[in-house]
């Protein structure tokens, strides 16, 4: 139990720390009206405040709806995932890291929403030519890696159950 909790805390604190540190650097050094191009425009640094979820989904909802969905519901979901990690017997280190990445990323964005009145600082944009991602942050990367790990785990588990 102690190893599980330590691993979870290590991943969570690393995610939140890296996310908040990079966002603070962007808020200080990258004006919202400026875009910096790096590595032949593969990476763009573009400071923006996102009041929606992934790719600004829900940004046009009322402030109270956004608060209910993106703060209250997100906090409850994150708490449920932490309880799952702490209480479920037989959880592997792989699962702890995967779920902790999702929780850490979610917590990083939740902190922004609470401190910055519903907005999340996004700043990374990747692409080649006209083929580009939406603007995202380190918390979003952690969430996507954690979800990818869980998806991988479910595919492996499903493959073993069919054999």
N, C-alpha and C. Protein backbone atom coordinates (compact mmCIF):
# COMPACT_ATOMS: atom_id res chain seq x y z
N UNK A 1 0.82 -1.19 0.00
CA UNK A 1 0.00 0.00 0.00
C UNK A 1 0.87 1.26 0.00
N UNK A 2 1.95 1.26 0.77
CA UNK A 2 2.82 2.42 0.84
C UNK A 2 3.53 2.64 -0.50
N UNK A 3 3.99 1.56 -1.13
CA UNK A 3 4.64 1.68 -2.45
C UNK A 3 3.67 2.25 -3.47
N UNK A 4 2.45 1.76 -3.45
CA UNK A 4 1.42 2.22 -4.38
C UNK A 4 1.16 3.71 -4.20
N UNK A 5 1.01 4.15 -2.96
CA UNK A 5 0.74 5.55 -2.67
C UNK A 5 1.93 6.43 -3.06
N UNK A 6 3.14 5.97 -2.77
CA UNK A 6 4.34 6.74 -3.13
C UNK A 6 4.46 6.90 -4.65
N UNK A 7 4.23 5.81 -5.39
CA UNK A 7 4.29 5.88 -6.85
C UNK A 7 3.23 6.84 -7.38
N UNK A 8 2.02 6.73 -6.85
CA UNK A 8 0.93 7.60 -7.28
C UNK A 8 1.28 9.07 -7.00
N UNK A 9 1.76 9.37 -5.81
CA UNK A 9 2.11 10.74 -5.45
C UNK A 9 3.26 11.27 -6.29
N UNK A 10 4.24 10.42 -6.56
CA UNK A 10 5.38 10.84 -7.38
C UNK A 10 4.92 11.25 -8.79
N UNK A 11 4.08 10.44 -9.39
CA UNK A 11 3.58 10.75 -10.74
C UNK A 11 2.68 11.99 -10.70
N UNK A 12 1.76 12.04 -9.73
CA UNK A 12 0.84 13.18 -9.62
C UNK A 12 1.60 14.49 -9.43
N UNK A 13 2.51 14.52 -8.47
CA UNK A 13 3.24 15.76 -8.18
C UNK A 13 4.14 16.16 -9.34
N UNK A 14 4.73 15.19 -10.02
CA UNK A 14 5.56 15.49 -11.20
C UNK A 14 4.71 16.11 -12.31
N UNK A 15 3.55 15.53 -12.56
CA UNK A 15 2.65 16.06 -13.60
C UNK A 15 2.22 17.49 -13.28
N UNK A 16 1.69 17.67 -12.09
CA UNK A 16 1.19 18.99 -11.70
C UNK A 16 2.33 20.00 -11.68
N UNK A 17 3.47 19.62 -11.15
CA UNK A 17 4.61 20.54 -11.08
C UNK A 17 5.10 20.97 -12.46
N UNK A 18 5.31 20.00 -13.35
CA UNK A 18 5.76 20.34 -14.71
C UNK A 18 4.72 21.18 -15.45
N UNK A 19 3.46 20.80 -15.31
CA UNK A 19 2.39 21.52 -15.98
C UNK A 19 2.32 22.96 -15.49
N UNK A 20 2.27 23.16 -14.18
CA UNK A 20 2.14 24.51 -13.64
C UNK A 20 3.38 25.35 -13.91
N UNK A 21 4.56 24.74 -13.87
CA UNK A 21 5.79 25.49 -14.15
C UNK A 21 5.83 25.97 -15.60
N UNK A 22 5.47 25.09 -16.55
CA UNK A 22 5.49 25.49 -17.96
C UNK A 22 4.42 26.54 -18.25
N UNK A 23 3.27 26.41 -17.64
CA UNK A 23 2.20 27.40 -17.84
C UNK A 23 2.61 28.76 -17.28
N UNK A 24 3.28 28.76 -16.12
CA UNK A 24 3.72 30.02 -15.54
C UNK A 24 4.77 30.68 -16.44
N UNK A 25 5.69 29.90 -16.97
CA UNK A 25 6.69 30.45 -17.90
C UNK A 25 6.02 31.08 -19.12
N UNK A 26 5.01 30.41 -19.64
CA UNK A 26 4.29 30.93 -20.80
C UNK A 26 3.54 32.21 -20.44
N UNK A 27 2.86 32.21 -19.30
CA UNK A 27 2.13 33.41 -18.89
C UNK A 27 3.06 34.60 -18.73
N UNK A 28 4.29 34.37 -18.30
CA UNK A 28 5.25 35.45 -18.09
C UNK A 28 5.93 35.88 -19.40
N UNK A 29 6.30 34.91 -20.24
CA UNK A 29 7.19 35.20 -21.37
C UNK A 29 6.56 35.17 -22.76
N UNK A 30 5.33 34.69 -22.89
CA UNK A 30 4.72 34.60 -24.22
C UNK A 30 3.42 35.40 -24.22
N UNK A 31 3.43 36.58 -24.83
CA UNK A 31 2.19 37.36 -24.91
C UNK A 31 1.13 36.61 -25.72
N UNK A 32 -0.14 36.84 -25.39
CA UNK A 32 -1.22 36.11 -26.07
C UNK A 32 -1.32 36.43 -27.56
N UNK A 33 -0.83 37.56 -27.98
CA UNK A 33 -0.96 37.95 -29.39
C UNK A 33 0.23 37.49 -30.24
N UNK A 34 1.18 36.76 -29.65
CA UNK A 34 2.42 36.39 -30.36
C UNK A 34 2.50 34.88 -30.51
N UNK A 35 3.03 34.43 -31.64
CA UNK A 35 3.27 33.01 -31.88
C UNK A 35 4.75 32.84 -32.21
N UNK A 36 5.42 31.95 -31.49
CA UNK A 36 6.82 31.66 -31.74
C UNK A 36 6.93 30.34 -32.47
N UNK A 37 7.68 30.33 -33.55
CA UNK A 37 7.85 29.14 -34.37
C UNK A 37 9.20 28.49 -34.05
N UNK A 38 9.19 27.18 -33.83
CA UNK A 38 10.41 26.44 -33.52
C UNK A 38 10.53 25.23 -34.44
N UNK A 39 11.76 24.84 -34.70
CA UNK A 39 12.07 23.66 -35.51
C UNK A 39 11.34 23.66 -36.83
N UNK A 40 11.52 24.72 -37.60
CA UNK A 40 10.90 24.80 -38.92
C UNK A 40 9.38 24.83 -38.85
N UNK A 41 8.83 25.42 -37.81
CA UNK A 41 7.40 25.57 -37.58
C UNK A 41 6.70 24.26 -37.23
N UNK A 42 7.47 23.24 -36.83
CA UNK A 42 6.85 22.00 -36.35
C UNK A 42 6.19 22.26 -35.00
N UNK A 43 6.84 23.10 -34.18
CA UNK A 43 6.29 23.47 -32.88
C UNK A 43 6.02 24.96 -32.88
N UNK A 44 4.85 25.33 -32.42
CA UNK A 44 4.52 26.74 -32.22
C UNK A 44 4.17 26.94 -30.75
N UNK A 45 4.71 28.01 -30.18
CA UNK A 45 4.30 28.43 -28.85
C UNK A 45 3.30 29.55 -29.03
N UNK A 46 2.06 29.31 -28.61
CA UNK A 46 0.97 30.27 -28.76
C UNK A 46 0.20 30.31 -27.45
N UNK A 47 0.35 31.36 -26.70
CA UNK A 47 -0.32 31.49 -25.40
C UNK A 47 -1.80 31.81 -25.62
N UNK A 48 -2.65 30.96 -25.08
CA UNK A 48 -4.09 31.20 -25.15
C UNK A 48 -4.75 30.71 -23.87
N UNK A 49 -5.87 31.31 -23.54
CA UNK A 49 -6.68 30.85 -22.41
C UNK A 49 -7.88 30.09 -22.97
N UNK A 50 -7.97 28.83 -22.64
CA UNK A 50 -9.04 27.96 -23.13
C UNK A 50 -10.10 27.83 -22.03
N UNK A 51 -11.31 28.29 -22.32
CA UNK A 51 -12.41 28.20 -21.35
C UNK A 51 -13.28 26.97 -21.59
N UNK A 52 -12.90 26.14 -22.55
CA UNK A 52 -13.62 24.90 -22.80
C UNK A 52 -12.79 23.71 -22.37
N UNK A 53 -13.15 22.56 -22.88
CA UNK A 53 -12.40 21.34 -22.61
C UNK A 53 -11.49 21.10 -23.81
N UNK A 54 -11.23 19.86 -24.13
CA UNK A 54 -10.37 19.48 -25.23
C UNK A 54 -10.78 20.20 -26.51
N UNK A 55 -9.84 20.88 -27.14
CA UNK A 55 -10.06 21.64 -28.37
C UNK A 55 -11.17 22.68 -28.21
N UNK A 56 -11.28 23.25 -27.03
CA UNK A 56 -12.25 24.31 -26.69
C UNK A 56 -13.70 23.85 -26.70
N UNK A 57 -13.95 22.55 -26.65
CA UNK A 57 -15.33 22.07 -26.60
C UNK A 57 -15.99 22.59 -25.33
N UNK A 58 -17.14 23.17 -25.46
CA UNK A 58 -17.88 23.69 -24.33
C UNK A 58 -17.53 25.12 -23.96
N UNK A 59 -16.64 25.75 -24.70
CA UNK A 59 -16.23 27.13 -24.38
C UNK A 59 -17.39 28.10 -24.48
N UNK A 60 -18.41 27.78 -25.26
CA UNK A 60 -19.55 28.69 -25.42
C UNK A 60 -20.66 28.44 -24.40
N UNK A 61 -20.50 27.41 -23.55
CA UNK A 61 -21.49 27.16 -22.51
C UNK A 61 -21.50 28.33 -21.53
N UNK A 62 -22.57 28.47 -20.78
CA UNK A 62 -22.64 29.52 -19.76
C UNK A 62 -21.56 29.27 -18.70
N UNK A 63 -21.20 30.32 -17.99
CA UNK A 63 -20.17 30.21 -16.96
C UNK A 63 -20.55 29.19 -15.89
N UNK A 64 -21.82 29.16 -15.50
CA UNK A 64 -22.25 28.22 -14.46
C UNK A 64 -22.21 26.77 -14.97
N UNK A 65 -22.54 26.55 -16.23
CA UNK A 65 -22.47 25.21 -16.81
C UNK A 65 -21.03 24.75 -16.91
N UNK A 66 -20.14 25.66 -17.37
CA UNK A 66 -18.72 25.31 -17.45
C UNK A 66 -18.17 24.99 -16.07
N UNK A 67 -18.56 25.77 -15.04
CA UNK A 67 -18.09 25.51 -13.68
C UNK A 67 -18.55 24.13 -13.22
N UNK A 68 -19.82 23.82 -13.45
CA UNK A 68 -20.36 22.52 -13.03
C UNK A 68 -19.65 21.37 -13.73
N UNK A 69 -19.41 21.51 -15.02
CA UNK A 69 -18.79 20.43 -15.80
C UNK A 69 -17.29 20.34 -15.59
N UNK A 70 -16.61 21.48 -15.70
CA UNK A 70 -15.15 21.48 -15.77
C UNK A 70 -14.46 21.64 -14.42
N UNK A 71 -15.21 22.03 -13.39
CA UNK A 71 -14.62 22.12 -12.06
C UNK A 71 -15.23 21.06 -11.14
N UNK A 72 -16.54 21.13 -10.93
CA UNK A 72 -17.18 20.21 -9.99
C UNK A 72 -17.10 18.77 -10.48
N UNK A 73 -17.59 18.51 -11.67
CA UNK A 73 -17.60 17.13 -12.19
C UNK A 73 -16.17 16.60 -12.35
N UNK A 74 -15.26 17.45 -12.82
CA UNK A 74 -13.87 17.02 -12.98
C UNK A 74 -13.25 16.67 -11.62
N UNK A 75 -13.51 17.49 -10.60
CA UNK A 75 -12.95 17.23 -9.26
C UNK A 75 -13.49 15.91 -8.70
N UNK A 76 -14.77 15.65 -8.90
CA UNK A 76 -15.37 14.39 -8.43
C UNK A 76 -14.75 13.21 -9.17
N UNK A 77 -14.59 13.32 -10.48
CA UNK A 77 -14.00 12.23 -11.26
C UNK A 77 -12.55 11.98 -10.85
N UNK A 78 -11.79 13.03 -10.62
CA UNK A 78 -10.40 12.87 -10.20
C UNK A 78 -10.33 12.22 -8.82
N UNK A 79 -11.19 12.64 -7.91
CA UNK A 79 -11.22 12.03 -6.58
C UNK A 79 -11.58 10.54 -6.66
N UNK A 80 -12.52 10.21 -7.53
CA UNK A 80 -12.92 8.80 -7.70
C UNK A 80 -11.74 7.97 -8.22
N UNK A 81 -10.97 8.54 -9.13
CA UNK A 81 -9.81 7.80 -9.66
C UNK A 81 -8.75 7.59 -8.59
N UNK A 82 -8.54 8.57 -7.73
CA UNK A 82 -7.58 8.42 -6.63
C UNK A 82 -8.07 7.34 -5.66
N UNK A 83 -9.34 7.37 -5.33
CA UNK A 83 -9.90 6.35 -4.43
C UNK A 83 -9.74 4.97 -5.05
N UNK A 84 -10.00 4.85 -6.34
CA UNK A 84 -9.80 3.58 -7.06
C UNK A 84 -8.37 3.09 -6.89
N UNK A 85 -7.40 3.98 -7.11
CA UNK A 85 -6.00 3.58 -7.01
C UNK A 85 -5.63 3.13 -5.60
N UNK A 86 -6.16 3.81 -4.62
CA UNK A 86 -5.79 3.51 -3.24
C UNK A 86 -6.49 2.25 -2.72
N UNK A 87 -7.72 2.02 -3.13
CA UNK A 87 -8.52 0.94 -2.53
C UNK A 87 -8.56 -0.36 -3.31
N UNK A 88 -8.42 -0.31 -4.62
CA UNK A 88 -8.59 -1.54 -5.43
C UNK A 88 -7.40 -2.47 -5.23
N UNK A 89 -7.67 -3.70 -4.80
CA UNK A 89 -6.58 -4.65 -4.64
C UNK A 89 -6.04 -5.12 -6.01
N UNK A 90 -4.76 -5.41 -6.05
CA UNK A 90 -4.17 -5.97 -7.25
C UNK A 90 -3.90 -5.00 -8.38
N UNK A 91 -3.94 -3.72 -8.11
CA UNK A 91 -3.64 -2.74 -9.15
C UNK A 91 -2.14 -2.80 -9.44
N UNK A 92 -1.80 -2.89 -10.71
CA UNK A 92 -0.38 -3.00 -11.09
C UNK A 92 0.28 -1.62 -11.11
N UNK A 93 1.60 -1.62 -11.11
CA UNK A 93 2.36 -0.37 -11.21
C UNK A 93 2.03 0.34 -12.53
N UNK A 94 1.84 -0.43 -13.59
CA UNK A 94 1.48 0.14 -14.89
C UNK A 94 0.17 0.92 -14.78
N UNK A 95 -0.83 0.31 -14.14
CA UNK A 95 -2.13 0.96 -13.97
C UNK A 95 -2.03 2.18 -13.07
N UNK A 96 -1.21 2.10 -12.02
CA UNK A 96 -1.01 3.24 -11.12
C UNK A 96 -0.43 4.41 -11.89
N UNK A 97 0.59 4.16 -12.70
CA UNK A 97 1.20 5.24 -13.48
C UNK A 97 0.19 5.80 -14.48
N UNK A 98 -0.53 4.94 -15.18
CA UNK A 98 -1.49 5.39 -16.19
C UNK A 98 -2.58 6.26 -15.58
N UNK A 99 -3.21 5.78 -14.53
CA UNK A 99 -4.30 6.54 -13.90
C UNK A 99 -3.75 7.80 -13.24
N UNK A 100 -2.57 7.72 -12.66
CA UNK A 100 -1.96 8.90 -12.03
C UNK A 100 -1.62 9.97 -13.06
N UNK A 101 -1.24 9.58 -14.27
CA UNK A 101 -1.02 10.56 -15.34
C UNK A 101 -2.32 11.28 -15.68
N UNK A 102 -3.40 10.53 -15.78
CA UNK A 102 -4.71 11.14 -16.07
C UNK A 102 -5.10 12.08 -14.93
N UNK A 103 -4.97 11.63 -13.70
CA UNK A 103 -5.33 12.45 -12.55
C UNK A 103 -4.42 13.67 -12.44
N UNK A 104 -3.12 13.48 -12.64
CA UNK A 104 -2.18 14.60 -12.56
C UNK A 104 -2.45 15.65 -13.62
N UNK A 105 -2.72 15.21 -14.83
CA UNK A 105 -3.07 16.15 -15.90
C UNK A 105 -4.38 16.86 -15.61
N UNK A 106 -5.36 16.10 -15.16
CA UNK A 106 -6.65 16.69 -14.81
C UNK A 106 -6.51 17.69 -13.67
N UNK A 107 -5.69 17.37 -12.69
CA UNK A 107 -5.48 18.28 -11.56
C UNK A 107 -4.78 19.56 -12.01
N UNK A 108 -3.81 19.43 -12.92
CA UNK A 108 -3.13 20.63 -13.44
C UNK A 108 -4.10 21.58 -14.12
N UNK A 109 -4.98 21.05 -14.93
CA UNK A 109 -5.97 21.90 -15.59
C UNK A 109 -7.03 22.41 -14.62
N UNK A 110 -7.38 21.58 -13.63
CA UNK A 110 -8.35 22.01 -12.62
C UNK A 110 -7.80 23.19 -11.81
N UNK A 111 -6.53 23.15 -11.47
CA UNK A 111 -5.89 24.26 -10.75
C UNK A 111 -6.04 25.55 -11.56
N UNK A 112 -5.76 25.48 -12.86
CA UNK A 112 -5.92 26.66 -13.72
C UNK A 112 -7.35 27.16 -13.68
N UNK A 113 -8.31 26.27 -13.81
CA UNK A 113 -9.72 26.67 -13.85
C UNK A 113 -10.13 27.38 -12.57
N UNK A 114 -9.62 26.93 -11.46
CA UNK A 114 -9.96 27.54 -10.18
C UNK A 114 -9.27 28.90 -10.03
N UNK A 115 -8.00 28.96 -10.35
CA UNK A 115 -7.22 30.20 -10.16
C UNK A 115 -7.55 31.26 -11.21
N UNK A 116 -7.75 30.84 -12.45
CA UNK A 116 -7.92 31.79 -13.55
C UNK A 116 -9.36 31.85 -14.06
N UNK A 117 -10.31 31.72 -13.16
CA UNK A 117 -11.74 31.92 -13.44
C UNK A 117 -12.24 31.10 -14.63
N UNK A 118 -11.90 29.85 -14.64
CA UNK A 118 -12.43 28.96 -15.66
C UNK A 118 -11.54 28.76 -16.87
N UNK A 119 -10.46 29.52 -16.99
CA UNK A 119 -9.58 29.39 -18.15
C UNK A 119 -8.39 28.51 -17.85
N UNK A 120 -7.95 27.77 -18.86
CA UNK A 120 -6.76 26.94 -18.78
C UNK A 120 -5.74 27.51 -19.75
N UNK A 121 -4.51 27.65 -19.30
CA UNK A 121 -3.44 28.15 -20.15
C UNK A 121 -2.98 27.04 -21.09
N UNK A 122 -3.16 27.24 -22.38
CA UNK A 122 -2.67 26.34 -23.42
C UNK A 122 -1.59 27.07 -24.20
N UNK A 123 -0.63 26.31 -24.77
CA UNK A 123 0.47 27.01 -25.43
C UNK A 123 1.21 26.21 -26.49
N UNK A 124 0.96 24.94 -26.64
CA UNK A 124 1.69 24.13 -27.62
C UNK A 124 0.81 23.82 -28.82
N UNK A 125 1.39 23.93 -29.99
CA UNK A 125 0.71 23.60 -31.24
C UNK A 125 1.73 22.89 -32.11
N UNK A 126 1.40 21.69 -32.57
CA UNK A 126 2.32 20.90 -33.39
C UNK A 126 1.75 20.72 -34.79
N UNK A 127 2.63 20.58 -35.77
CA UNK A 127 2.15 20.30 -37.11
C UNK A 127 3.18 20.53 -38.17
N UNK A 128 2.78 20.20 -39.36
CA UNK A 128 3.60 20.41 -40.55
C UNK A 128 2.69 21.06 -41.59
N UNK A 129 3.07 22.26 -42.02
CA UNK A 129 2.26 22.99 -42.99
C UNK A 129 0.89 23.28 -42.40
N UNK A 130 -0.15 22.98 -43.17
CA UNK A 130 -1.52 23.23 -42.73
C UNK A 130 -2.08 22.16 -41.81
N UNK A 131 -1.36 21.06 -41.66
CA UNK A 131 -1.81 19.96 -40.80
C UNK A 131 -1.30 20.22 -39.38
N UNK A 132 -2.17 20.71 -38.48
CA UNK A 132 -1.76 21.13 -37.15
C UNK A 132 -2.72 20.58 -36.10
N UNK A 133 -2.20 20.44 -34.90
CA UNK A 133 -3.04 20.05 -33.77
C UNK A 133 -3.75 21.29 -33.24
N UNK A 134 -4.65 21.08 -32.31
CA UNK A 134 -5.18 22.20 -31.54
C UNK A 134 -4.09 22.65 -30.58
N UNK A 135 -4.35 23.72 -29.85
CA UNK A 135 -3.38 24.22 -28.88
C UNK A 135 -3.63 23.50 -27.56
N UNK A 136 -2.56 23.00 -26.95
CA UNK A 136 -2.68 22.18 -25.75
C UNK A 136 -1.58 22.53 -24.76
N UNK A 137 -1.50 21.78 -23.66
CA UNK A 137 -0.49 22.02 -22.63
C UNK A 137 0.05 20.69 -22.11
N UNK A 138 0.95 20.77 -21.14
CA UNK A 138 1.59 19.57 -20.60
C UNK A 138 0.57 18.67 -19.88
N UNK A 139 -0.41 19.26 -19.20
CA UNK A 139 -1.45 18.47 -18.55
C UNK A 139 -2.19 17.62 -19.58
N UNK A 140 -2.49 18.20 -20.73
CA UNK A 140 -3.18 17.46 -21.79
C UNK A 140 -2.32 16.30 -22.29
N UNK A 141 -1.01 16.51 -22.38
CA UNK A 141 -0.10 15.45 -22.80
C UNK A 141 -0.13 14.31 -21.78
N UNK A 142 -0.07 14.64 -20.50
CA UNK A 142 -0.12 13.62 -19.45
C UNK A 142 -1.42 12.81 -19.53
N UNK A 143 -2.53 13.51 -19.72
CA UNK A 143 -3.83 12.84 -19.83
C UNK A 143 -3.83 11.89 -21.03
N UNK A 144 -3.35 12.35 -22.17
CA UNK A 144 -3.35 11.51 -23.38
C UNK A 144 -2.43 10.29 -23.22
N UNK A 145 -1.28 10.48 -22.59
CA UNK A 145 -0.37 9.34 -22.37
C UNK A 145 -1.05 8.34 -21.42
N UNK A 146 -1.66 8.82 -20.33
CA UNK A 146 -2.34 7.93 -19.39
C UNK A 146 -3.49 7.18 -20.05
N UNK A 147 -4.30 7.88 -20.82
CA UNK A 147 -5.41 7.23 -21.53
C UNK A 147 -4.86 6.22 -22.55
N UNK A 148 -3.80 6.59 -23.24
CA UNK A 148 -3.17 5.66 -24.20
C UNK A 148 -2.68 4.39 -23.51
N UNK A 149 -2.07 4.57 -22.34
CA UNK A 149 -1.62 3.40 -21.58
C UNK A 149 -2.79 2.52 -21.17
N UNK A 150 -3.88 3.11 -20.71
CA UNK A 150 -5.05 2.34 -20.32
C UNK A 150 -5.68 1.62 -21.52
N UNK A 151 -5.70 2.30 -22.66
CA UNK A 151 -6.21 1.69 -23.89
C UNK A 151 -5.35 0.49 -24.28
N UNK A 152 -4.03 0.68 -24.22
CA UNK A 152 -3.09 -0.41 -24.52
C UNK A 152 -3.35 -1.59 -23.59
N UNK A 153 -3.50 -1.30 -22.29
CA UNK A 153 -3.75 -2.34 -21.30
C UNK A 153 -5.06 -3.09 -21.64
N UNK A 154 -6.09 -2.37 -22.02
CA UNK A 154 -7.37 -3.03 -22.33
C UNK A 154 -7.26 -3.90 -23.58
N UNK A 155 -6.48 -3.46 -24.57
CA UNK A 155 -6.28 -4.28 -25.76
C UNK A 155 -5.52 -5.56 -25.42
N UNK A 156 -4.51 -5.46 -24.60
CA UNK A 156 -3.73 -6.65 -24.18
C UNK A 156 -4.59 -7.60 -23.38
N UNK A 157 -5.40 -7.06 -22.49
CA UNK A 157 -6.28 -7.89 -21.66
C UNK A 157 -7.33 -8.58 -22.52
N UNK A 158 -7.90 -7.86 -23.47
CA UNK A 158 -8.90 -8.43 -24.37
C UNK A 158 -8.28 -9.51 -25.26
N UNK A 159 -7.07 -9.30 -25.71
CA UNK A 159 -6.37 -10.28 -26.53
C UNK A 159 -6.10 -11.56 -25.76
N UNK A 160 -5.74 -11.46 -24.48
CA UNK A 160 -5.46 -12.63 -23.66
C UNK A 160 -6.75 -13.40 -23.35
N UNK A 161 -7.86 -12.68 -23.17
CA UNK A 161 -9.11 -13.36 -22.83
C UNK A 161 -9.67 -14.16 -24.01
N UNK A 162 -9.31 -13.77 -25.24
CA UNK A 162 -9.79 -14.50 -26.43
C UNK A 162 -8.95 -15.72 -26.71
N UNK A 163 -7.73 -15.74 -26.22
CA UNK A 163 -6.82 -16.86 -26.51
C UNK A 163 -7.13 -18.08 -25.69
